Protein backbone atom coordinates (compact mmCIF):
# COMPACT_ATOMS: atom_id res chain seq x y z
CA MET A 1 -11.18 -0.72 -2.86
CA ILE A 2 -10.04 -2.91 -5.04
CA SER A 3 -12.15 -5.15 -7.02
CA ARG A 4 -12.54 -8.51 -6.42
CA HIS A 5 -12.84 -9.30 -10.35
CA THR A 6 -10.49 -12.15 -12.02
CA VAL A 7 -7.20 -10.90 -11.70
CA ALA A 8 -5.94 -9.75 -15.09
CA ARG A 9 -2.73 -9.15 -16.48
CA PRO A 10 -0.80 -6.10 -15.15
CA GLN A 11 -0.07 -3.15 -16.54
CA ARG A 12 2.59 -0.87 -16.74
CA LEU A 13 1.95 1.89 -14.40
CA ALA A 14 4.01 5.10 -13.54
CA LEU A 15 5.09 4.73 -9.91
CA ARG A 16 5.08 8.78 -8.65
CA PRO A 17 5.79 10.46 -4.82
CA LEU A 18 2.85 11.97 -3.19
CA ARG A 19 2.98 16.14 -4.20
CA GLY A 20 2.38 18.46 -1.60
CA GLY A 21 -1.73 18.11 -1.53
CA GLU A 22 -1.88 15.23 -2.39
CA ARG A 23 -2.28 13.58 1.10
CA ASP A 24 -5.98 14.75 0.67
CA VAL A 25 -7.10 13.20 -2.85
CA LEU A 26 -5.35 10.25 -1.25
CA ALA A 27 -7.27 10.63 2.05
CA ALA A 28 -10.66 11.20 0.21
CA ALA A 29 -10.22 7.81 -2.35
CA LEU A 30 -8.93 5.81 0.69
CA THR A 31 -12.08 7.08 2.58
CA LYS A 32 -14.26 6.05 0.15
CA ALA A 33 -13.42 3.31 -0.44
CA GLY A 34 -13.31 2.85 3.85
CA LEU A 35 -9.89 2.29 3.93
CA PRO A 36 -7.56 3.84 7.04
CA VAL A 37 -6.74 7.83 6.85
CA ASP A 38 -5.43 8.33 9.79
CA ASP A 39 -1.84 7.03 9.85
CA LEU A 40 -1.21 8.86 6.66
CA ASP A 41 1.45 11.28 7.63
CA ALA A 42 2.97 9.40 10.16
CA PRO A 43 6.96 9.22 9.55
CA GLY A 44 8.06 6.23 7.54
CA HIS A 45 4.86 6.04 5.95
CA LEU A 46 5.73 5.92 2.28
CA PHE A 47 2.64 6.24 -0.54
CA TRP A 48 2.62 6.56 -4.23
CA ARG A 49 0.12 7.39 -6.67
CA PHE A 50 -0.13 5.75 -9.91
CA GLU A 51 -1.27 6.59 -13.10
CA THR A 52 -0.10 4.69 -16.62
CA LYS A 53 0.71 4.77 -19.21
CA ASP A 54 -0.93 7.46 -20.53
CA ASP A 55 -0.97 10.00 -17.58
CA ILE A 56 -4.01 8.56 -16.48
CA PRO A 57 -4.28 9.23 -12.67
CA ALA A 58 -4.92 5.40 -11.78
CA GLY A 59 -4.28 5.08 -7.80
CA PHE A 60 -2.39 5.10 -4.84
CA GLY A 61 -0.44 2.61 -2.88
CA GLY A 62 1.69 2.40 0.32
CA LEU A 63 4.24 0.84 2.42
CA GLU A 64 5.56 0.24 5.51
CA ILE A 65 9.21 -0.94 5.49
CA HIS A 66 10.28 -2.92 8.99
CA GLY A 67 13.96 -4.07 8.51
CA ASP A 68 13.41 -7.85 6.43
CA ASP A 69 9.51 -7.32 6.24
CA ALA A 70 6.82 -4.66 4.65
CA LEU A 71 3.04 -3.82 5.39
CA LEU A 72 1.27 -3.49 1.91
CA ARG A 73 -1.33 0.42 2.71
CA SER A 74 -3.69 1.76 1.09
CA VAL A 75 -4.07 0.38 -2.01
CA VAL A 76 -6.94 1.40 -3.60
CA THR A 77 -7.75 1.95 -7.66
CA LEU A 78 -9.60 4.74 -8.66
CA PRO A 79 -13.26 4.28 -10.11
CA PRO A 80 -12.85 5.38 -14.02
CA VAL A 81 -9.69 1.88 -14.62
CA ARG A 82 -11.39 -0.37 -12.18
CA GLU A 83 -10.71 -3.73 -13.15
CA GLY A 84 -8.60 -3.26 -16.00
CA GLY A 85 -5.75 -5.11 -14.18
CA ILE A 86 -5.07 -1.52 -12.79
CA GLY A 87 -5.31 -3.35 -8.82
CA SER A 88 -2.76 -6.29 -10.10
CA ALA A 89 -0.27 -3.84 -11.28
CA ILE A 90 -0.59 -1.44 -8.23
CA VAL A 91 0.45 -4.59 -5.87
CA ALA A 92 3.30 -5.86 -8.42
CA THR A 93 4.25 -2.27 -8.66
CA LEU A 94 4.84 -1.99 -4.82
CA GLU A 95 6.62 -5.25 -4.50
CA VAL A 96 9.04 -4.21 -6.68
CA GLU A 97 9.57 -1.08 -4.60
CA ALA A 98 9.88 -3.25 -1.49
CA GLN A 99 12.30 -6.22 -2.53
CA ARG A 100 14.14 -2.31 -3.19
CA ARG A 101 14.43 -1.00 -0.06
CA GLY A 102 15.17 -4.72 1.83
CA ALA A 103 12.17 -6.19 2.09
CA ARG A 104 12.09 -9.84 2.14
CA ALA A 105 7.84 -10.53 3.32
CA ILE A 106 4.88 -8.34 2.16
CA TRP A 107 2.28 -8.28 5.00
CA LEU A 108 -0.97 -7.17 4.81
CA LEU A 109 -4.58 -6.82 6.20
CA THR A 110 -7.52 -6.53 4.58
CA THR A 111 -11.48 -7.17 5.36
CA SER A 112 -12.78 -7.10 2.14
CA ALA A 113 -10.19 -8.00 -0.20
CA ALA A 114 -8.68 -11.65 0.47
CA GLY A 115 -9.81 -12.91 -2.46
CA PHE A 116 -8.14 -10.56 -4.94
CA PHE A 117 -4.93 -11.18 -2.83
CA ARG A 118 -4.54 -14.68 -2.83
CA ARG A 119 -4.89 -14.97 -6.30
CA LEU A 120 -1.52 -12.62 -6.35
CA GLY A 121 0.12 -15.27 -4.33
CA TYR A 122 -0.58 -13.86 -0.60
CA ALA A 123 -1.47 -16.40 1.99
CA ALA A 124 -3.75 -16.32 5.28
CA CYS A 125 -1.58 -16.73 8.49
CA ASP A 126 -2.62 -16.66 12.35
CA ARG A 127 -1.62 -13.12 13.70
CA ALA A 128 0.77 -15.31 16.19
CA VAL A 129 3.33 -15.49 13.41
CA VAL A 130 3.53 -11.56 12.17
CA PRO A 131 6.92 -10.30 13.27
CA ALA A 132 6.73 -7.97 16.70
CA ALA A 133 7.23 -4.63 14.19
CA ILE A 134 4.40 -5.67 11.96
CA ARG A 135 1.81 -6.05 15.13
CA ALA A 136 3.57 -2.76 16.21
CA THR A 137 2.07 -0.85 13.63
CA ARG A 138 -0.38 1.38 14.38
CA GLU A 139 -2.61 -0.17 11.48
CA PHE A 140 -1.84 -3.71 12.61
CA SER A 141 -2.20 -2.85 16.34
CA ALA A 142 -5.58 -0.22 16.42
CA LEU A 143 -6.89 1.16 12.98
CA CYS A 144 -7.59 -2.20 11.27
CA PRO A 145 -10.15 -4.17 13.20
CA ALA A 146 -8.73 -8.00 14.83
CA SER A 147 -11.31 -9.67 12.44
CA ALA A 148 -9.35 -8.66 9.95
CA ASP A 149 -7.53 -11.04 7.57
CA VAL A 150 -3.99 -11.16 8.30
CA LEU A 151 -2.49 -12.57 4.87
CA MET A 152 1.73 -13.00 3.31
CA LYS A 153 3.84 -13.02 0.74
CA ARG A 154 7.91 -13.65 0.59
CA ILE A 155 9.33 -11.70 -2.77
């Protein structure tokens, strides 16, 4: 799970599409972090691996793009590189990728990292204001508990 420590300055990370067998590695990292894995192979789900400038594996993250809105998915920082600003760098990179794909807002659900995301500019919001396309995602409708915090950021 993303560190709940103070956000450090973002580092430069390489964003790489997952290769063949890496979905299993992603699933293992997400399971260990207590994040959902049931829909990783669903159509339209975009997942990447992140590496430091020294080619050190740093983590994973994903997006679902729904028109002007994106759902931030499965952000996990690998234990050997936690607490060095990697989590915030992964999120910043995914925000740029979402913008590049036409999104103007990013939504997310979290049960444990709301403070981390608030420090990155995300604001808590009521489920009633979440766009229908985001509410209809499997993550929103089934995988995350109703008690999960909903946050949003305009990008």
